C-alpha atoms as a PDB file:
ATOM      1  CA  UNK A   1      39.654 100.819 180.501  1.00  0.00           C
ATOM      2  CA  UNK A   2      39.322 101.627 176.805  1.00  0.00           C
ATOM      3  CA  UNK A   3      39.619 105.281 175.854  1.00  0.00           C
ATOM      4  CA  UNK A   4      36.541 105.551 173.636  1.00  0.00           C
ATOM      5  CA  UNK A   5      37.294 109.194 172.840  1.00  0.00           C
ATOM      6  CA  UNK A   6      40.450 108.056 171.068  1.00  0.00           C
ATOM      7  CA  UNK A   7      38.400 105.723 168.894  1.00  0.00           C
ATOM      8  CA  UNK A   8      36.423 108.681 167.569  1.00  0.00           C
ATOM      9  CA  UNK A   9      39.555 110.426 166.298  1.00  0.00           C
ATOM     10  CA  UNK A  10      41.332 108.597 163.486  1.00  0.00           C
ATOM     11  CA  UNK A  11      45.105 108.860 163.514  1.00  0.00           C
ATOM     12  CA  UNK A  12      46.444 111.477 161.179  1.00  0.00           C
ATOM     13  CA  UNK A  13      49.753 112.342 159.609  1.00  0.00           C
ATOM     14  CA  UNK A  14      52.134 114.890 161.098  1.00  0.00           C
ATOM     15  CA  UNK A  15      54.449 116.739 158.728  1.00  0.00           C
ATOM     16  CA  UNK A  16      57.297 118.916 159.983  1.00  0.00           C
ATOM     17  CA  UNK A  17      58.560 121.025 157.084  1.00  0.00           C
ATOM     18  CA  UNK A  18      61.983 122.643 157.330  1.00  0.00           C
ATOM     19  CA  UNK A  19      61.885 124.211 153.862  1.00  0.00           C
ATOM     20  CA  UNK A  20      58.811 125.595 152.167  1.00  0.00           C
ATOM     21  CA  UNK A  21      57.395 122.771 150.022  1.00  0.00           C
ATOM     22  CA  UNK A  22      56.333 123.005 146.407  1.00  0.00           C
ATOM     23  CA  UNK A  23      52.700 123.275 145.359  1.00  0.00           C
ATOM     24  CA  UNK A  24      52.923 119.699 144.084  1.00  0.00           C
ATOM     25  CA  UNK A  25      54.090 118.478 147.493  1.00  0.00           C
ATOM     26  CA  UNK A  26      51.305 120.356 149.253  1.00  0.00           C
ATOM     27  CA  UNK A  27      48.699 118.877 146.911  1.00  0.00           C
ATOM     28  CA  UNK A  28      50.052 115.343 147.291  1.00  0.00           C
ATOM     29  CA  UNK A  29      50.599 115.176 151.042  1.00  0.00           C
ATOM     30  CA  UNK A  30      48.247 117.546 152.827  1.00  0.00           C
ATOM     31  CA  UNK A  31      44.828 116.245 153.737  1.00  0.00           C
ATOM     32  CA  UNK A  32      42.178 117.883 155.923  1.00  0.00           C
ATOM     33  CA  UNK A  33      43.151 115.811 158.972  1.00  0.00           C
ATOM     34  CA  UNK A  34      46.936 116.252 158.610  1.00  0.00           C
ATOM     35  CA  UNK A  35      48.996 118.373 160.977  1.00  0.00           C
ATOM     36  CA  UNK A  36      51.551 120.702 159.384  1.00  0.00           C
ATOM     37  CA  UNK A  37      54.313 122.091 161.600  1.00  0.00           C
ATOM     38  CA  UNK A  38      56.446 124.865 160.123  1.00  0.00           C
ATOM     39  CA  UNK A  39      60.065 124.790 161.269  1.00  0.00           C
ATOM     40  CA  UNK A  40      63.432 126.325 160.495  1.00  0.00           C
ATOM     41  CA  UNK A  41      63.574 127.892 157.017  1.00  0.00           C
ATOM     42  CA  UNK A  42      59.894 127.220 156.263  1.00  0.00           C
ATOM     43  CA  UNK A  43      58.946 129.214 159.348  1.00  0.00           C
ATOM     44  CA  UNK A  44      61.280 132.059 158.391  1.00  0.00           C
ATOM     45  CA  UNK A  45      59.899 132.051 154.836  1.00  0.00           C
ATOM     46  CA  UNK A  46      56.364 132.519 156.166  1.00  0.00           C
ATOM     47  CA  UNK A  47      57.452 135.285 158.526  1.00  0.00           C
ATOM     48  CA  UNK A  48      59.095 137.083 155.593  1.00  0.00           C
ATOM     49  CA  UNK A  49      56.184 136.426 153.215  1.00  0.00           C
ATOM     50  CA  UNK A  50      52.895 135.675 155.032  1.00  0.00           C
ATOM     51  CA  UNK A  51      51.102 135.317 151.682  1.00  0.00           C
ATOM     52  CA  UNK A  52      52.643 131.823 151.462  1.00  0.00           C
ATOM     53  CA  UNK A  53      50.009 130.759 153.988  1.00  0.00           C
ATOM     54  CA  UNK A  54      47.322 131.337 151.354  1.00  0.00           C
ATOM     55  CA  UNK A  55      48.508 128.220 149.506  1.00  0.00           C
ATOM     56  CA  UNK A  56      47.707 125.991 152.494  1.00  0.00           C
ATOM     57  CA  UNK A  57      44.448 124.097 152.806  1.00  0.00           C
ATOM     58  CA  UNK A  58      44.968 123.459 156.530  1.00  0.00           C
ATOM     59  CA  UNK A  59      45.988 125.564 159.509  1.00  0.00           C
ATOM     60  CA  UNK A  60      49.745 125.371 160.166  1.00  0.00           C
ATOM     61  CA  UNK A  61      51.469 125.116 163.533  1.00  0.00           C
ATOM     62  CA  UNK A  62      54.792 126.374 164.877  1.00  0.00           C
ATOM     63  CA  UNK A  63      56.544 125.073 167.965  1.00  0.00           C
ATOM     64  CA  UNK A  64      56.404 127.636 170.759  1.00  0.00           C
ATOM     65  CA  UNK A  65      59.874 126.615 171.981  1.00  0.00           C
ATOM     66  CA  UNK A  66      61.360 127.193 168.509  1.00  0.00           C
ATOM     67  CA  UNK A  67      59.783 130.639 168.341  1.00  0.00           C
ATOM     68  CA  UNK A  68      61.391 131.488 171.688  1.00  0.00           C
ATOM     69  CA  UNK A  69      64.789 130.144 170.594  1.00  0.00           C
ATOM     70  CA  UNK A  70      64.619 132.291 167.456  1.00  0.00           C
ATOM     71  CA  UNK A  71      63.454 135.337 169.463  1.00  0.00           C
ATOM     72  CA  UNK A  72      60.291 135.557 167.386  1.00  0.00           C
ATOM     73  CA  UNK A  73      57.619 137.474 169.265  1.00  0.00           C
ATOM     74  CA  UNK A  74      54.884 137.560 166.641  1.00  0.00           C
ATOM     75  CA  UNK A  75      53.656 135.128 164.023  1.00  0.00           C
ATOM     76  CA  UNK A  76      50.785 135.541 161.566  1.00  0.00           C
ATOM     77  CA  UNK A  77      47.445 134.990 163.283  1.00  0.00           C
ATOM     78  CA  UNK A  78      46.721 131.932 161.144  1.00  0.00           C
ATOM     79  CA  UNK A  79      49.652 129.996 162.678  1.00  0.00           C
ATOM     80  CA  UNK A  80      48.834 128.134 165.875  1.00  0.00           C
ATOM     81  CA  UNK A  81      51.610 127.984 168.457  1.00  0.00           C
ATOM     82  CA  UNK A  82      52.145 124.430 169.652  1.00  0.00           C
ATOM     83  CA  UNK A  83      53.548 123.554 173.067  1.00  0.00           C
ATOM     84  CA  UNK A  84      56.138 120.818 173.482  1.00  0.00           C
ATOM     85  CA  UNK A  85      53.810 118.475 175.380  1.00  0.00           C
ATOM     86  CA  UNK A  86      51.142 118.674 172.686  1.00  0.00           C
ATOM     87  CA  UNK A  87      53.778 118.147 169.986  1.00  0.00           C
ATOM     88  CA  UNK A  88      54.848 114.923 171.714  1.00  0.00           C
ATOM     89  CA  UNK A  89      51.200 113.799 171.914  1.00  0.00           C
ATOM     90  CA  UNK A  90      50.664 114.489 168.213  1.00  0.00           C
ATOM     91  CA  UNK A  91      53.875 112.637 167.368  1.00  0.00           C
ATOM     92  CA  UNK A  92      52.933 109.568 169.386  1.00  0.00           C
ATOM     93  CA  UNK A  93      49.380 109.488 168.037  1.00  0.00           C
ATOM     94  CA  UNK A  94      50.322 110.048 164.392  1.00  0.00           C
ATOM     95  CA  UNK A  95      49.761 107.367 161.789  1.00  0.00           C
ATOM     96  CA  UNK A  96      52.667 108.891 159.852  1.00  0.00           C
ATOM     97  CA  UNK A  97      55.385 111.303 160.986  1.00  0.00           C
ATOM     98  CA  UNK A  98      57.502 112.879 158.265  1.00  0.00           C
ATOM     99  CA  UNK A  99      60.191 115.549 158.534  1.00  0.00           C
ATOM    100  CA  UNK A 100      60.372 117.265 155.154  1.00  0.00           C
ATOM    101  CA  UNK A 101      63.880 118.604 154.670  1.00  0.00           C
ATOM    102  CA  UNK A 102      64.700 118.680 150.963  1.00  0.00           C
ATOM    103  CA  UNK A 103      62.416 120.819 148.810  1.00  0.00           C
ATOM    104  CA  UNK A 104      63.775 119.229 145.622  1.00  0.00           C
ATOM    105  CA  UNK A 105      62.740 115.639 146.416  1.00  0.00           C
END
Protein backbone atom coordinates (compact mmCIF):
# COMPACT_ATOMS: atom_id res chain seq x y z
CA UNK A 1 0.00 0.00 0.00
CA UNK A 2 1.29 3.45 -0.91
CA UNK A 3 1.35 6.01 1.88
CA UNK A 4 -0.33 8.89 0.05
CA UNK A 5 0.05 11.18 3.07
CA UNK A 6 3.81 10.98 2.62
CA UNK A 7 3.46 12.14 -0.97
CA UNK A 8 1.84 15.36 0.22
CA UNK A 9 4.84 16.28 2.38
CA UNK A 10 8.02 16.98 0.42
CA UNK A 11 11.23 15.89 2.10
CA UNK A 12 13.02 18.67 3.87
CA UNK A 13 16.46 19.31 5.24
CA UNK A 14 17.38 18.69 8.87
CA UNK A 15 20.17 20.79 10.37
CA UNK A 16 21.66 20.02 13.77
CA UNK A 17 23.74 23.01 14.87
CA UNK A 18 26.30 22.56 17.63
CA UNK A 19 27.56 26.16 17.53
CA UNK A 20 25.44 29.20 16.84
CA UNK A 21 25.71 29.88 13.10
CA UNK A 22 26.44 33.20 11.46
CA UNK A 23 23.73 35.34 9.88
CA UNK A 24 25.15 34.41 6.47
CA UNK A 25 24.79 30.70 7.25
CA UNK A 26 21.22 31.18 8.44
CA UNK A 27 20.32 33.10 5.29
CA UNK A 28 21.94 30.52 3.00
CA UNK A 29 20.69 27.29 4.55
CA UNK A 30 17.40 27.87 6.34
CA UNK A 31 14.24 27.56 4.30
CA UNK A 32 10.64 27.53 5.51
CA UNK A 33 10.42 23.73 5.36
CA UNK A 34 13.80 23.03 7.04
CA UNK A 35 14.10 21.61 10.53
CA UNK A 36 16.65 23.26 12.83
CA UNK A 37 17.76 21.35 15.92
CA UNK A 38 19.81 23.28 18.47
CA UNK A 39 22.42 21.18 20.25
CA UNK A 40 25.43 21.51 22.51
CA UNK A 41 26.90 25.04 22.50
CA UNK A 42 24.18 26.46 20.23
CA UNK A 43 21.57 25.36 22.75
CA UNK A 44 23.53 26.85 25.65
CA UNK A 45 24.00 30.10 23.71
CA UNK A 46 20.23 30.43 23.27
CA UNK A 47 19.58 29.65 26.93
CA UNK A 48 22.05 32.38 27.90
CA UNK A 49 20.76 34.85 25.30
CA UNK A 50 17.19 34.08 24.13
CA UNK A 51 17.27 37.11 21.82
CA UNK A 52 19.32 34.98 19.40
CA UNK A 53 16.05 33.27 18.50
CA UNK A 54 14.85 36.51 16.92
CA UNK A 55 17.29 35.97 14.04
CA UNK A 56 15.60 32.70 13.05
CA UNK A 57 12.96 32.51 10.34
CA UNK A 58 11.79 29.06 11.48
CA UNK A 59 10.91 27.48 14.80
CA UNK A 60 13.89 25.65 16.34
CA UNK A 61 13.86 22.30 18.12
CA UNK A 62 15.89 20.83 20.97
CA UNK A 63 16.20 17.15 21.78
CA UNK A 64 14.32 16.32 24.97
CA UNK A 65 16.93 13.71 25.93
CA UNK A 66 19.74 16.28 25.61
CA UNK A 67 17.84 18.72 27.81
CA UNK A 68 17.52 16.00 30.46
CA UNK A 69 21.22 15.07 30.21
CA UNK A 70 22.15 18.73 30.70
CA UNK A 71 19.67 19.10 33.59
CA UNK A 72 17.86 21.87 31.74
CA UNK A 73 14.33 22.24 33.06
CA UNK A 74 13.17 25.23 31.05
CA UNK A 75 13.75 26.43 27.51
CA UNK A 76 12.34 29.51 25.79
CA UNK A 77 8.74 28.93 24.72
CA UNK A 78 9.65 29.26 21.05
CA UNK A 79 11.82 26.10 21.16
CA UNK A 80 9.95 22.87 20.55
CA UNK A 81 11.18 19.86 22.51
CA UNK A 82 11.71 16.89 20.22
CA UNK A 83 11.49 13.28 21.37
CA UNK A 84 14.02 10.70 20.24
CA UNK A 85 11.53 8.72 18.15
CA UNK A 86 10.44 11.81 16.23
CA UNK A 87 14.08 12.83 15.73
CA UNK A 88 14.77 9.44 14.13
CA UNK A 89 11.72 9.86 11.87
CA UNK A 90 12.86 13.32 10.78
CA UNK A 91 16.36 12.00 10.13
CA UNK A 92 15.15 9.11 8.00
CA UNK A 93 12.71 11.27 6.05
CA UNK A 94 15.13 14.14 5.43
CA UNK A 95 16.33 14.99 1.95
CA UNK A 96 19.49 16.38 3.57
CA UNK A 97 20.88 15.87 7.08
CA UNK A 98 23.71 18.17 8.13
CA UNK A 99 25.44 18.49 11.50
CA UNK A 100 26.87 22.00 11.66
CA UNK A 101 29.90 21.96 13.94
CA UNK A 102 32.33 24.67 12.85
CA UNK A 103 30.98 28.22 12.91
CA UNK A 104 33.92 29.48 10.85
CA UNK A 105 33.29 27.31 7.76
